[in-house]
Amino acid sequence: MTAAVEADALVKTFGDIRALDGLSLRVEAGTILGLLGPNGAGKTTAINVLTTLLRPDSGHARVAGHDVVDEPALVRASIGVTGQFASLDAGLTPRENLVLFGRLMKLGRAEARRRAAELLERFALTEAADQRTGTLSGGTRRRLDLAASITREPAVLFLDEPTTGLDPRSRLALWQAVRELRASGITILLTTQYLEEADELADRVTIIDRGKVVAEGTAAQLKQRVGGAVCHITIADPTDRQLVADALTSLGPVSLTSDGVSLPASGPETLVAVVRQLDEARHGGLPIAQVDDIGLRRPTLDDVFLALTGHSAAPEAGAGDEVERLARPAAEVAS
């Protein structure tokens, strides 16, 4: 298949921080690639390099057949971008916003109005078309932002964590809109830290951590790397999670999760071994921790991430936030 996006050994630093550390990836035309990783993994930096907002320190990248450094204008003419922060004028209506985007993209007045009406219908925005954008719900504004990003029917669409902050219903609606864009032939590179989002939408997944690719493949292929099943112990108290993890280390690689502890399972015998191990670890006749549930489940992409990196893909505060702040365009930082 033809590659719509190709990146080879991209490096980008911000002072002492190496945001991209030899990142390479490929997105086949007409597919969705999920770029998965936590805050600070380099997702936003990669998007900004590929959309010509940042110049790489080294490495090469081509988007829609054009070099991002040597042919930035041709790249920008071929892409659409929806960032983490809406680029809409809150004082204008959705119709006015879309007409404005059309005019900025050099469409004539009549064509800009026609295209705006088409996009309002396509993204189920006709009822809200003449309300002030600032009064709309977060999910509606994100759909409008997505509509604006395809005003000129781009060959490649970059979606940088498009569902961050949305409620579950709005997220599902946006997922459906993304699927329809893919069905229309648009190539999509989607960054996300929602494991379920990559699982639902992406034809292939690239997992990155600290600016490097740590795994890639289909969601099913990546899950096979963990094994057939996972034993998950649900534990409400974060302090108890570490106690349980320490008690189970002899059974295999144990990972802390947002609600407990997980480890690879060979079958029901793993459940028996876990219960026996926890019983033997009792302290003064009392359980070492309050366990709410123990069960087997199929592996998720979060299990893959934990197995490969040793930590969760859930958002974490810290240096990663500073990397992503530096990677954002100045206009977004100021907003």
Protein backbone atom coordinates (compact mmCIF):
# COMPACT_ATOMS: atom_id res chain seq x y z
CA MET A 1 0.00 0.00 0.00
CA THR A 2 1.00 3.63 -0.50
CA ALA A 3 2.15 5.53 2.58
CA ALA A 4 0.35 8.82 3.20
CA VAL A 5 2.63 9.65 6.15
CA GLU A 6 6.23 8.50 6.60
CA ALA A 7 8.62 9.52 9.36
CA ASP A 8 12.17 8.27 9.65
CA ALA A 9 14.38 8.69 12.73
CA LEU A 10 12.86 12.01 13.86
CA VAL A 11 14.67 13.79 16.69
CA LYS A 12 13.42 16.91 18.45
CA THR A 13 14.82 18.39 21.63
CA PHE A 14 13.76 21.23 23.92
CA GLY A 15 16.85 22.15 25.91
CA ASP A 16 17.81 19.03 27.84
CA ILE A 17 14.50 17.30 27.05
CA ARG A 18 14.56 14.84 24.13
CA ALA A 19 10.91 14.85 23.07
CA LEU A 20 11.46 12.70 19.95
CA ASP A 21 14.28 10.19 20.08
CA GLY A 22 14.59 8.60 16.63
CA LEU A 23 10.83 8.23 16.03
CA SER A 24 9.86 6.36 12.86
CA LEU A 25 6.32 5.56 11.74
CA ARG A 26 4.23 4.90 8.63
CA VAL A 27 0.53 5.47 7.90
CA GLU A 28 -0.94 3.69 4.90
CA ALA A 29 -3.27 5.72 2.68
CA GLY A 30 -6.94 5.43 3.64
CA THR A 31 -6.29 4.00 7.12
CA ILE A 32 -6.27 5.20 10.71
CA LEU A 33 -3.06 4.93 12.72
CA GLY A 34 -3.45 5.26 16.47
CA LEU A 35 -0.38 6.88 18.07
CA LEU A 36 -0.65 5.81 21.67
CA GLY A 37 1.25 6.99 24.72
CA PRO A 38 1.00 8.97 27.98
CA ASN A 39 1.65 12.68 28.47
CA GLY A 40 5.26 13.38 27.60
CA ALA A 41 5.59 10.40 25.25
CA GLY A 42 6.11 12.75 22.28
CA LYS A 43 2.71 12.52 20.58
CA THR A 44 2.04 16.24 20.26
CA THR A 45 5.64 16.93 19.26
CA ALA A 46 5.34 14.33 16.48
CA ILE A 47 2.09 15.89 15.24
CA ASN A 48 3.64 19.38 15.21
CA VAL A 49 6.65 18.17 13.21
CA LEU A 50 4.45 16.33 10.70
CA THR A 51 2.17 19.37 10.27
CA THR A 52 5.21 21.71 9.80
CA LEU A 53 4.62 23.63 13.06
CA LEU A 54 7.98 22.42 14.38
CA ARG A 55 11.19 21.72 12.50
CA PRO A 56 12.92 18.44 13.46
CA ASP A 57 16.52 18.58 14.66
CA SER A 58 17.26 15.54 12.48
CA GLY A 59 15.45 12.83 10.55
CA HIS A 60 13.04 13.06 7.64
CA ALA A 61 9.29 13.01 7.16
CA ARG A 62 6.90 13.11 4.20
CA VAL A 63 3.17 13.79 4.32
CA ALA A 64 0.97 13.25 1.25
CA GLY A 65 4.19 12.81 -0.73
CA HIS A 66 5.76 16.12 0.37
CA ASP A 67 8.79 16.72 2.59
CA VAL A 68 7.80 18.55 5.78
CA VAL A 69 10.99 20.64 5.81
CA ASP A 70 11.57 21.30 2.11
CA GLU A 71 7.90 21.57 1.02
CA PRO A 72 5.95 22.91 4.01
CA ALA A 73 3.39 24.84 1.93
CA LEU A 74 2.50 21.73 -0.08
CA VAL A 75 2.16 19.72 3.15
CA ARG A 76 -0.15 22.33 4.68
CA ALA A 77 -2.30 22.37 1.52
CA SER A 78 -2.80 18.60 1.85
CA ILE A 79 -3.71 18.26 5.51
CA GLY A 80 -6.32 19.06 8.13
CA VAL A 81 -5.58 19.36 11.84
CA THR A 82 -7.73 19.12 14.95
CA GLY A 83 -5.63 19.86 18.02
CA GLN A 84 -6.27 19.41 21.71
CA PHE A 85 -7.59 22.96 21.89
CA ALA A 86 -10.46 24.18 19.70
CA SER A 87 -9.52 26.80 17.10
CA LEU A 88 -13.01 28.30 16.93
CA ASP A 89 -14.22 31.85 17.53
CA ALA A 90 -16.61 31.56 20.48
CA GLY A 91 -18.38 34.78 19.47
CA LEU A 92 -19.36 33.49 16.03
CA THR A 93 -22.00 30.91 15.17
CA PRO A 94 -20.98 27.51 13.78
CA ARG A 95 -22.13 28.63 10.34
CA GLU A 96 -20.05 31.80 10.58
CA ASN A 97 -17.02 29.87 11.82
CA LEU A 98 -17.18 27.46 8.90
CA VAL A 99 -17.64 30.24 6.35
CA LEU A 100 -14.65 32.02 7.89
CA PHE A 101 -12.53 28.88 7.57
CA GLY A 102 -13.60 28.55 3.95
CA ARG A 103 -12.65 32.14 3.18
CA LEU A 104 -9.27 31.70 4.93
CA MET A 105 -8.72 28.71 2.65
CA LYS A 106 -9.38 30.96 -0.36
CA LEU A 107 -12.85 29.69 -1.20
CA GLY A 108 -15.15 32.27 -2.83
CA ARG A 109 -18.05 33.65 -0.75
CA ALA A 110 -20.70 31.48 -2.40
CA GLU A 111 -18.52 28.36 -2.27
CA ALA A 112 -17.62 29.00 1.39
CA ARG A 113 -21.32 29.27 2.30
CA ARG A 114 -22.16 26.14 0.29
CA ARG A 115 -19.36 24.17 1.95
CA ALA A 116 -20.38 25.41 5.41
CA ALA A 117 -23.97 24.22 4.85
CA GLU A 118 -22.67 20.84 3.66
CA LEU A 119 -20.46 20.39 6.72
CA LEU A 120 -23.18 21.47 9.14
CA GLU A 121 -25.42 18.72 7.81
CA ARG A 122 -22.65 16.12 7.63
CA PHE A 123 -21.72 16.59 11.29
CA ALA A 124 -25.31 16.92 12.59
CA LEU A 125 -24.82 20.59 13.45
CA THR A 126 -27.78 22.15 11.60
CA GLU A 127 -29.87 22.71 14.76
CA ALA A 128 -26.99 24.58 16.40
CA ALA A 129 -25.88 26.34 13.20
CA ASP A 130 -26.95 29.84 14.28
CA GLN A 131 -26.22 29.71 18.00
CA ARG A 132 -23.11 31.30 19.47
CA THR A 133 -20.32 28.73 19.49
CA GLY A 134 -19.35 29.66 23.04
CA THR A 135 -22.75 28.46 24.31
CA LEU A 136 -22.44 24.96 22.79
CA SER A 137 -21.51 21.79 24.64
CA GLY A 138 -17.96 20.47 24.53
CA GLY A 139 -18.96 17.57 22.28
CA THR A 140 -20.73 19.86 19.80
CA ARG A 141 -17.74 22.22 19.68
CA ARG A 142 -15.40 19.29 18.98
CA ARG A 143 -17.61 18.14 16.10
CA LEU A 144 -17.53 21.68 14.76
CA ASP A 145 -13.75 21.78 15.11
CA LEU A 146 -13.54 18.49 13.20
CA ALA A 147 -15.82 19.88 10.47
CA ALA A 148 -13.62 22.97 10.14
CA SER A 149 -10.51 20.81 9.76
CA ILE A 150 -11.85 19.17 6.59
CA THR A 151 -13.13 22.33 4.90
CA ARG A 152 -10.87 21.59 1.92
CA GLU A 153 -11.18 17.76 2.02
CA PRO A 154 -7.61 17.01 3.11
CA ALA A 155 -5.71 13.93 2.01
CA VAL A 156 -4.43 13.48 5.58
CA LEU A 157 -6.14 14.47 8.82
CA PHE A 158 -4.23 14.80 12.11
CA LEU A 159 -6.32 14.40 15.27
CA ASP A 160 -4.37 15.23 18.42
CA GLU A 161 -6.31 13.77 21.38
CA PRO A 162 -9.63 14.95 19.92
CA THR A 163 -11.86 13.50 22.66
CA THR A 164 -9.96 14.80 25.70
CA GLY A 165 -12.45 16.12 28.25
CA LEU A 166 -15.56 14.81 26.48
CA ASP A 167 -18.28 12.82 28.22
CA PRO A 168 -18.82 9.20 27.04
CA ARG A 169 -21.80 10.05 24.81
CA SER A 170 -19.93 12.87 23.04
CA ARG A 171 -16.89 10.62 22.64
CA LEU A 172 -18.97 7.93 20.93
CA ALA A 173 -20.46 10.52 18.56
CA LEU A 174 -17.01 11.79 17.63
CA TRP A 175 -15.76 8.24 17.08
CA GLN A 176 -18.55 7.68 14.57
CA ALA A 177 -17.63 10.90 12.76
CA VAL A 178 -13.99 9.75 12.56
CA ARG A 179 -15.04 6.37 11.13
CA GLU A 180 -17.07 8.13 8.45
CA LEU A 181 -14.08 10.30 7.51
CA ARG A 182 -11.94 7.19 7.09
CA ALA A 183 -14.68 5.59 4.97
CA SER A 184 -14.59 8.66 2.69
CA GLY A 185 -10.92 7.94 1.93
CA ILE A 186 -9.17 10.36 4.30
CA THR A 187 -6.01 9.06 5.98
CA ILE A 188 -6.03 9.75 9.72
CA LEU A 189 -3.26 9.91 12.30
CA LEU A 190 -4.90 9.89 15.71
CA THR A 191 -2.99 10.52 18.93
CA THR A 192 -4.64 9.39 22.11
CA GLN A 193 -4.00 8.30 25.67
CA TYR A 194 -7.35 6.49 25.77
CA LEU A 195 -6.58 2.81 25.23
CA GLU A 196 -10.15 2.04 24.27
CA GLU A 197 -10.10 4.78 21.63
CA ALA A 198 -7.15 3.25 19.79
CA ASP A 199 -8.78 -0.17 20.09
CA GLU A 200 -12.06 1.10 18.62
CA LEU A 201 -10.78 3.28 15.76
CA ALA A 202 -7.28 2.37 14.63
CA ASP A 203 -6.41 -0.06 11.83
CA ARG A 204 -2.90 -0.16 13.28
CA VAL A 205 -1.42 1.11 16.54
CA THR A 206 2.02 2.54 17.24
CA ILE A 207 2.89 2.73 20.94
CA ILE A 208 5.51 5.32 21.88
CA ASP A 209 7.21 6.11 25.15
CA ARG A 210 9.75 8.89 25.77
CA GLY A 211 9.96 9.73 22.08
CA LYS A 212 10.61 6.18 20.86
CA VAL A 213 8.45 3.49 19.28
CA VAL A 214 8.15 0.55 21.68
CA ALA A 215 5.66 -1.55 19.67
CA GLU A 216 3.48 -1.45 16.57
CA GLY A 217 0.90 -3.63 14.86
CA THR A 218 -2.84 -4.22 14.93
CA ALA A 219 -4.57 -4.11 18.30
CA ALA A 220 -5.04 -7.88 18.13
CA GLN A 221 -1.35 -8.48 17.35
CA LEU A 222 -0.24 -6.30 20.24
CA LYS A 223 -2.57 -8.01 22.68
CA GLN A 224 -1.11 -11.38 21.67
CA ARG A 225 2.23 -10.18 23.05
CA VAL A 226 0.73 -10.25 26.54
CA GLY A 227 -0.81 -13.71 26.14
CA GLY A 228 -4.23 -15.24 26.17
CA ALA A 229 -5.53 -13.89 29.47
CA VAL A 230 -4.76 -11.52 32.31
CA CYS A 231 -5.46 -12.00 36.01
CA HIS A 232 -6.70 -8.71 37.46
CA ILE A 233 -6.97 -8.02 41.18
CA THR A 234 -9.16 -5.01 41.95
CA ILE A 235 -7.91 -3.03 44.99
CA ALA A 236 -9.37 0.30 46.01
CA ASP A 237 -6.53 1.51 48.26
CA PRO A 238 -3.44 2.62 46.24
CA THR A 239 -1.13 1.68 49.16
CA ASP A 240 -2.52 -1.86 49.22
CA ARG A 241 -1.84 -2.26 45.48
CA GLN A 242 1.91 -2.14 46.00
CA LEU A 243 1.70 -4.64 48.89
CA VAL A 244 -0.19 -7.09 46.67
CA ALA A 245 2.18 -6.54 43.75
CA ASP A 246 5.16 -7.32 45.99
CA ALA A 247 3.46 -10.47 47.26
CA LEU A 248 2.82 -11.80 43.74
CA THR A 249 6.18 -11.17 42.04
CA SER A 250 7.08 -14.89 42.09
CA LEU A 251 4.10 -15.61 39.79
CA GLY A 252 5.32 -13.45 36.90
CA PRO A 253 5.61 -9.79 35.83
CA VAL A 254 3.15 -7.83 37.95
CA SER A 255 1.87 -4.40 36.84
CA LEU A 256 0.14 -1.72 38.87
CA THR A 257 -2.99 -0.33 37.20
CA SER A 258 -5.34 2.54 37.99
CA ASP A 259 -7.62 0.26 40.02
CA GLY A 260 -5.47 -2.66 41.11
CA VAL A 261 -2.83 -5.14 39.96
CA SER A 262 -2.52 -7.31 36.83
CA LEU A 263 -0.34 -10.22 35.76
CA PRO A 264 -0.34 -12.67 32.83
CA ALA A 265 -2.53 -15.75 33.41
CA SER A 266 -2.25 -19.27 32.04
CA GLY A 267 -5.81 -20.10 33.06
CA PRO A 268 -7.92 -20.74 36.19
CA GLU A 269 -4.84 -22.18 37.89
CA THR A 270 -3.41 -18.66 38.02
CA LEU A 271 -6.40 -17.56 40.11
CA VAL A 272 -5.75 -20.43 42.53
CA ALA A 273 -2.05 -19.49 42.75
CA VAL A 274 -2.88 -15.82 43.41
CA VAL A 275 -5.32 -16.68 46.20
CA ARG A 276 -2.81 -19.10 47.75
CA GLN A 277 0.00 -16.55 47.54
CA LEU A 278 -2.07 -13.81 49.15
CA ASP A 279 -3.16 -16.20 51.89
CA GLU A 280 0.46 -17.11 52.64
CA ALA A 281 1.33 -13.40 52.79
CA ARG A 282 -1.16 -12.74 55.60
CA HIS A 283 0.32 -10.61 58.39
CA GLY A 284 -0.58 -11.45 61.97
CA GLY A 285 -3.47 -13.55 60.69
CA LEU A 286 -4.90 -10.60 58.76
CA PRO A 287 -4.98 -10.07 54.96
CA ILE A 288 -2.17 -7.82 53.71
CA ALA A 289 -4.69 -5.81 51.70
CA GLN A 290 -8.40 -5.34 51.07
CA VAL A 291 -9.05 -7.11 47.74
CA ASP A 292 -12.37 -6.21 46.10
CA ASP A 293 -12.30 -8.70 43.23
CA ILE A 294 -10.11 -11.25 41.43
CA GLY A 295 -10.84 -12.47 37.91
CA LEU A 296 -9.57 -13.38 34.45
CA ARG A 297 -10.10 -11.12 31.46
CA ARG A 298 -8.81 -10.65 27.95
CA PRO A 299 -5.74 -8.39 27.62
CA THR A 300 -6.22 -4.75 26.69
CA LEU A 301 -3.86 -2.28 25.04
CA ASP A 302 -3.19 -0.95 28.54
CA ASP A 303 -1.83 -4.38 29.47
CA VAL A 304 0.42 -4.21 26.40
CA PHE A 305 1.67 -0.78 27.38
CA LEU A 306 2.36 -1.87 30.94
CA ALA A 307 4.18 -5.00 29.79
CA LEU A 308 6.37 -3.04 27.35
CA THR A 309 7.17 0.06 29.40
CA GLY A 310 6.63 -0.91 33.02
CA HIS A 311 4.16 1.92 33.62
CA SER A 312 0.61 2.88 32.70
CA ALA A 313 -0.47 4.97 29.71
CA ALA A 314 -2.72 6.96 32.05
CA PRO A 315 -1.99 10.71 32.27
CA GLU A 316 0.69 11.66 34.76
CA ALA A 317 1.71 15.09 35.98
CA GLY A 318 5.35 16.08 35.79
CA ALA A 319 8.04 16.54 33.18
CA GLY A 320 5.82 15.08 30.48
CA ASP A 321 3.44 18.01 30.83
CA GLU A 322 6.32 20.42 30.26
CA VAL A 323 7.36 18.57 27.08
CA GLU A 324 3.85 18.81 25.66
CA ARG A 325 3.58 22.48 26.64
CA LEU A 326 6.81 23.24 24.79
CA ALA A 327 5.62 21.21 21.78
CA ARG A 328 2.43 23.24 21.41
CA PRO A 329 2.35 26.16 18.97
CA ALA A 330 2.76 29.58 20.56
CA ALA A 331 -0.83 30.57 19.77
CA GLU A 332 -2.16 27.63 21.78
CA VAL A 333 0.22 28.19 24.68
CA ALA A 334 -1.00 31.76 24.97
CA SER A 335 -4.70 30.80 24.92
